[in-house]
Structure formats: C-alpha cells, structure tokens
Amino acid sequence: MRFTAKFFLIAAIAASPVMWTASAEAACVTKAATASGLTANQAKWFAMETIVQQVSWSIWPTWVASGQTPGYKFSNKKYSCSAGALGTECTASAKICPAG
C-alpha cells in the first residue's frame, strides 16, 4: 500500500468516532413549551409534559407514570417562571436525543 493510501485509511479510521458523534448530535433537537399551574412545580410539570408530547406520544404514558422517556435522552432542561393568569406560568426547554 502506498503512503498516500495508508494516510487516508488511517485518517478515515481516526475521524470515524468524530463523524459518528456529529451524526448522533444531528439527530438531537431542542424543544420548548409554556404552561400554567397553580404552583411553579405544576407549571414546570405541565410544560415538560407538553415537550414530551411534542417528541412522541408513544412515550407520554410512561413519562406520566414514571418520569422515564424510553428511547430518548432528555438533557439541558431549563425553566423560566413568572406570575401568570393562573398562579404561575413556566417555559421549559430541553435537548432531546435518541437514546443508545
């Protein structure tokens, strides 16, 4: 094998984890939702519930029952709350990536 071919083969093997990570990141999305509740905790829960529904209705029952999101990894969860018409209004956002 000539030097050039070996170089490109080694470069491709070395870059493959980086390329795989980039493609996995490309599948990630960031979602946001706003909801109201009598308390801040209620408003946060309802806002995150809406995000879960935006991702997939099939994981919603599991999330409601256990807080788990099978097949998805939620990260970078953020909340911003203020007084609203019905107690508290919160906006939630999260980064969602396929699990595995």
Protein backbone atom coordinates (compact mmCIF):
# COMPACT_ATOMS: atom_id res chain seq x y z
CA MET A 1 0.00 0.00 0.00
CA ARG A 2 1.41 3.36 -0.92
CA PHE A 3 1.95 6.10 1.64
CA THR A 4 -0.98 8.18 0.38
CA ALA A 5 -3.46 5.32 0.61
CA LYS A 6 -2.23 4.40 4.11
CA PHE A 7 -2.51 8.02 5.20
CA PHE A 8 -6.13 8.32 4.03
CA LEU A 9 -7.05 4.97 5.57
CA ILE A 10 -5.57 5.96 8.93
CA ALA A 11 -7.19 9.41 8.73
CA ALA A 12 -10.60 7.85 7.99
CA ILE A 13 -10.31 5.42 10.90
CA ALA A 14 -9.20 8.19 13.25
CA ALA A 15 -12.04 10.50 12.16
CA SER A 16 -14.80 7.89 12.35
CA PRO A 17 -15.64 8.46 16.06
CA VAL A 18 -15.88 12.20 15.40
CA MET A 19 -18.11 11.64 12.38
CA TRP A 20 -20.33 9.24 14.37
CA THR A 21 -20.67 11.75 17.21
CA ALA A 22 -21.57 14.52 14.78
CA SER A 23 -24.29 12.41 13.17
CA ALA A 24 -25.72 11.45 16.58
CA GLU A 25 -25.78 15.12 17.58
CA ALA A 26 -27.54 15.97 14.31
CA ALA A 27 -30.44 13.76 15.40
CA CYS A 28 -30.88 15.83 18.56
CA VAL A 29 -33.49 18.57 18.80
CA THR A 30 -34.29 21.28 21.31
CA LYS A 31 -37.94 21.75 22.22
CA ALA A 32 -39.73 24.33 24.36
CA ALA A 33 -43.20 24.79 25.78
CA THR A 34 -45.06 27.16 28.10
CA ALA A 35 -47.71 26.11 30.61
CA SER A 36 -49.57 27.48 33.64
CA GLY A 37 -50.29 25.94 37.01
CA LEU A 38 -51.37 26.88 40.50
CA THR A 39 -47.76 26.38 41.65
CA ALA A 40 -44.39 26.64 39.92
CA ASN A 41 -43.92 22.86 40.22
CA GLN A 42 -47.25 22.24 38.48
CA ALA A 43 -46.44 24.70 35.69
CA LYS A 44 -42.99 23.10 35.17
CA TRP A 45 -44.55 19.63 35.04
CA PHE A 46 -47.20 20.69 32.52
CA ALA A 47 -44.60 22.45 30.35
CA MET A 48 -42.34 19.36 30.32
CA GLU A 49 -45.38 17.17 29.62
CA THR A 50 -46.03 19.26 26.52
CA ILE A 51 -42.42 18.80 25.39
CA VAL A 52 -42.71 15.02 25.86
CA GLN A 53 -45.88 15.06 23.73
CA GLN A 54 -44.03 17.06 21.02
CA VAL A 55 -41.33 14.38 20.91
CA SER A 56 -43.53 11.28 20.80
CA TRP A 57 -47.00 10.45 22.05
CA SER A 58 -45.85 6.84 22.48
CA ILE A 59 -43.56 7.75 25.40
CA TRP A 60 -46.08 10.02 27.10
CA PRO A 61 -47.86 7.35 29.21
CA THR A 62 -44.53 6.03 30.52
CA TRP A 63 -43.33 9.55 31.30
CA VAL A 64 -46.55 10.37 33.20
CA ALA A 65 -46.32 7.13 35.20
CA SER A 66 -42.60 7.05 35.94
CA GLY A 67 -40.79 10.09 34.55
CA GLN A 68 -38.90 7.81 32.14
CA THR A 69 -38.55 8.52 28.40
CA PRO A 70 -37.82 5.18 26.70
CA GLY A 71 -35.80 5.61 23.52
CA TYR A 72 -34.91 9.24 24.26
CA LYS A 73 -32.44 11.10 26.45
CA PHE A 74 -33.56 14.48 27.78
CA SER A 75 -30.80 16.86 28.87
CA ASN A 76 -30.10 20.54 29.39
CA LYS A 77 -33.53 21.07 30.98
CA LYS A 78 -34.21 24.72 31.75
CA TYR A 79 -37.18 26.52 33.27
CA SER A 80 -38.19 30.15 33.38
CA CYS A 81 -41.18 31.01 35.56
CA SER A 82 -43.18 34.13 36.36
CA ALA A 83 -46.56 35.11 37.75
CA GLY A 84 -49.32 34.20 35.32
CA ALA A 85 -53.06 34.43 34.94
CA LEU A 86 -53.48 31.12 36.80
CA GLY A 87 -50.83 31.17 39.52
CA THR A 88 -47.50 30.62 37.75
CA GLU A 89 -46.52 30.39 34.11
CA CYS A 90 -43.34 28.49 33.20
CA THR A 91 -41.47 27.98 29.97
CA ALA A 92 -39.45 24.79 29.80
CA SER A 93 -36.84 23.76 27.26
CA ALA A 94 -34.82 20.58 26.83
CA LYS A 95 -32.41 18.96 24.42
CA ILE A 96 -33.72 15.58 23.25
CA CYS A 97 -31.54 12.93 21.61
CA PRO A 98 -32.26 9.35 20.61
CA ALA A 99 -31.01 7.00 23.35
CA GLY A 100 -28.43 4.42 22.60
